[in-house]
Every structure is written in structure tokens, then in C-alpha cells.
């Protein structure tokens, strides 16, 4: 198994409360870790490629830390689906 290193240089979350931003970032981090560590999915997106834009579609946001974590996880799952294309 190879290691995957993801670096997000800047994450801009305008219009979110500070606690919601932190929770959303946590949900995104945890969600991406789960998506990228799934062995079955890795075979589908393991080849090298560039994806300058990935349209994730609409997602609902519920305020508060729990809503932020849920939103971050949804974003990560949508990214995982986009990698399979």
C-alpha cells in the first residue's frame, strides 16, 4: 500500500461561523481519510491525472458543529465519487 499525502493550501469558508468552519474542516479531513483509504476505490482512481475542477453538486448545510462535520463528510464523499470518473 502506498501512502497518500493530500495538502490543501487554502480552504476558504466564507459565511460560516468559526465553530462551524472548524467542524466542517474536521469532517472534511476525516471524510477524505475514509474515502482515500478505501482499497476498493483506490483501484478506480489510482492512475495519475489532473482534475482542475470538480463539480460536487448541491449539499444542504445544517448550522452548528454537528452540521459542519456532516457537511464536511458530504463534501469528502462527493470528492470520492468525482475521483471515480
C-alpha atoms as a PDB file:
ATOM      1  CA  UNK A   1       0.000   0.000   0.000  1.00  0.00           C
ATOM      2  CA  UNK A   2       1.331   3.386  -0.973  1.00  0.00           C
ATOM      3  CA  UNK A   3       0.944   6.417   1.214  1.00  0.00           C
ATOM      4  CA  UNK A   4      -1.278   9.220   0.069  1.00  0.00           C
ATOM      5  CA  UNK A   5      -0.474  12.756   1.063  1.00  0.00           C
ATOM      6  CA  UNK A   6      -3.063  15.443   0.465  1.00  0.00           C
ATOM      7  CA  UNK A   7      -2.192  19.065   1.015  1.00  0.00           C
ATOM      8  CA  UNK A   8      -4.844  21.729   0.880  1.00  0.00           C
ATOM      9  CA  UNK A   9      -3.010  25.010   0.752  1.00  0.00           C
ATOM     10  CA  UNK A  10      -6.018  27.164   1.484  1.00  0.00           C
ATOM     11  CA  UNK A  11      -9.597  26.416   2.440  1.00  0.00           C
ATOM     12  CA  UNK A  12     -11.861  29.463   2.223  1.00  0.00           C
ATOM     13  CA  UNK A  13     -15.185  29.153   4.003  1.00  0.00           C
ATOM     14  CA  UNK A  14     -16.962  32.493   3.816  1.00  0.00           C
ATOM     15  CA  UNK A  15     -20.209  32.982   5.675  1.00  0.00           C
ATOM     16  CA  UNK A  16     -19.625  30.231   8.238  1.00  0.00           C
ATOM     17  CA  UNK A  17     -19.321  30.761  11.980  1.00  0.00           C
ATOM     18  CA  UNK A  18     -15.875  29.930  13.422  1.00  0.00           C
ATOM     19  CA  UNK A  19     -17.115  26.781  15.212  1.00  0.00           C
ATOM     20  CA  UNK A  20     -18.893  25.619  12.048  1.00  0.00           C
ATOM     21  CA  UNK A  21     -15.714  26.175   9.998  1.00  0.00           C
ATOM     22  CA  UNK A  22     -13.646  24.115  12.429  1.00  0.00           C
ATOM     23  CA  UNK A  23     -16.241  21.313  12.469  1.00  0.00           C
ATOM     24  CA  UNK A  24     -16.563  21.364   8.672  1.00  0.00           C
ATOM     25  CA  UNK A  25     -12.774  21.132   8.310  1.00  0.00           C
ATOM     26  CA  UNK A  26     -12.706  18.212  10.769  1.00  0.00           C
ATOM     27  CA  UNK A  27     -15.483  16.442   8.848  1.00  0.00           C
ATOM     28  CA  UNK A  28     -13.694  17.037   5.541  1.00  0.00           C
ATOM     29  CA  UNK A  29     -10.392  15.739   6.929  1.00  0.00           C
ATOM     30  CA  UNK A  30     -11.953  12.617   8.423  1.00  0.00           C
ATOM     31  CA  UNK A  31     -14.145  12.031   5.380  1.00  0.00           C
ATOM     32  CA  UNK A  32     -11.215  12.307   2.955  1.00  0.00           C
ATOM     33  CA  UNK A  33      -9.182   9.911   5.104  1.00  0.00           C
ATOM     34  CA  UNK A  34     -12.012   7.366   4.870  1.00  0.00           C
ATOM     35  CA  UNK A  35     -12.575   7.888   1.136  1.00  0.00           C
ATOM     36  CA  UNK A  36      -8.887   7.721   0.238  1.00  0.00           C
ATOM     37  CA  UNK A  37      -8.166   4.680   2.411  1.00  0.00           C
ATOM     38  CA  UNK A  38     -10.914   2.537   0.830  1.00  0.00           C
ATOM     39  CA  UNK A  39      -8.973  -0.191  -1.016  1.00  0.00           C
ATOM     40  CA  UNK A  40     -11.787  -0.947  -3.472  1.00  0.00           C
ATOM     41  CA  UNK A  41     -11.992   2.687  -4.569  1.00  0.00           C
ATOM     42  CA  UNK A  42      -8.231   3.121  -4.879  1.00  0.00           C
ATOM     43  CA  UNK A  43      -8.047   0.876  -7.933  1.00  0.00           C
ATOM     44  CA  UNK A  44     -10.520   3.149  -9.718  1.00  0.00           C
ATOM     45  CA  UNK A  45      -8.645   6.419  -9.194  1.00  0.00           C
ATOM     46  CA  UNK A  46      -5.035   5.315  -8.655  1.00  0.00           C
ATOM     47  CA  UNK A  47      -3.759   6.424 -12.075  1.00  0.00           C
ATOM     48  CA  UNK A  48      -2.129   9.801 -12.303  1.00  0.00           C
ATOM     49  CA  UNK A  49      -4.289  12.608 -13.651  1.00  0.00           C
ATOM     50  CA  UNK A  50      -5.197  16.242 -13.162  1.00  0.00           C
ATOM     51  CA  UNK A  51      -8.648  17.400 -12.193  1.00  0.00           C
ATOM     52  CA  UNK A  52      -8.673  21.204 -12.212  1.00  0.00           C
ATOM     53  CA  UNK A  53     -12.402  21.475 -11.410  1.00  0.00           C
ATOM     54  CA  UNK A  54     -14.719  19.016  -9.759  1.00  0.00           C
ATOM     55  CA  UNK A  55     -18.417  19.917  -9.615  1.00  0.00           C
ATOM     56  CA  UNK A  56     -19.835  18.374  -6.465  1.00  0.00           C
ATOM     57  CA  UNK A  57     -23.461  19.430  -6.768  1.00  0.00           C
ATOM     58  CA  UNK A  58     -25.743  20.947  -4.148  1.00  0.00           C
ATOM     59  CA  UNK A  59     -25.448  19.990  -0.497  1.00  0.00           C
ATOM     60  CA  UNK A  60     -27.528  21.117   2.440  1.00  0.00           C
ATOM     61  CA  UNK A  61     -25.815  22.707   5.446  1.00  0.00           C
ATOM     62  CA  UNK A  62     -27.214  22.454   8.947  1.00  0.00           C
ATOM     63  CA  UNK A  63     -25.786  25.063  11.334  1.00  0.00           C
ATOM     64  CA  UNK A  64     -23.764  24.082  14.364  1.00  0.00           C
ATOM     65  CA  UNK A  65     -20.734  21.841  14.845  1.00  0.00           C
ATOM     66  CA  UNK A  66     -22.638  18.621  14.092  1.00  0.00           C
ATOM     67  CA  UNK A  67     -23.958  20.137  10.871  1.00  0.00           C
ATOM     68  CA  UNK A  68     -20.462  21.322   9.956  1.00  0.00           C
ATOM     69  CA  UNK A  69     -18.976  17.852  10.440  1.00  0.00           C
ATOM     70  CA  UNK A  70     -21.798  16.306   8.409  1.00  0.00           C
ATOM     71  CA  UNK A  71     -21.289  18.849   5.629  1.00  0.00           C
ATOM     72  CA  UNK A  72     -17.525  18.212   5.552  1.00  0.00           C
ATOM     73  CA  UNK A  73     -18.144  14.470   5.301  1.00  0.00           C
ATOM     74  CA  UNK A  74     -20.607  15.011   2.428  1.00  0.00           C
ATOM     75  CA  UNK A  75     -18.019  17.105   0.575  1.00  0.00           C
ATOM     76  CA  UNK A  76     -15.394  14.375   1.057  1.00  0.00           C
ATOM     77  CA  UNK A  77     -17.780  11.689  -0.211  1.00  0.00           C
ATOM     78  CA  UNK A  78     -18.632  13.808  -3.257  1.00  0.00           C
ATOM     79  CA  UNK A  79     -14.911  14.226  -3.957  1.00  0.00           C
ATOM     80  CA  UNK A  80     -14.520  10.443  -3.711  1.00  0.00           C
ATOM     81  CA  UNK A  81     -17.296   9.953  -6.264  1.00  0.00           C
ATOM     82  CA  UNK A  82     -15.662  12.535  -8.537  1.00  0.00           C
ATOM     83  CA  UNK A  83     -12.351  10.649  -8.386  1.00  0.00           C
ATOM     84  CA  UNK A  84     -14.032   7.522  -9.743  1.00  0.00           C
ATOM     85  CA  UNK A  85     -14.943   9.226 -13.021  1.00  0.00           C
END
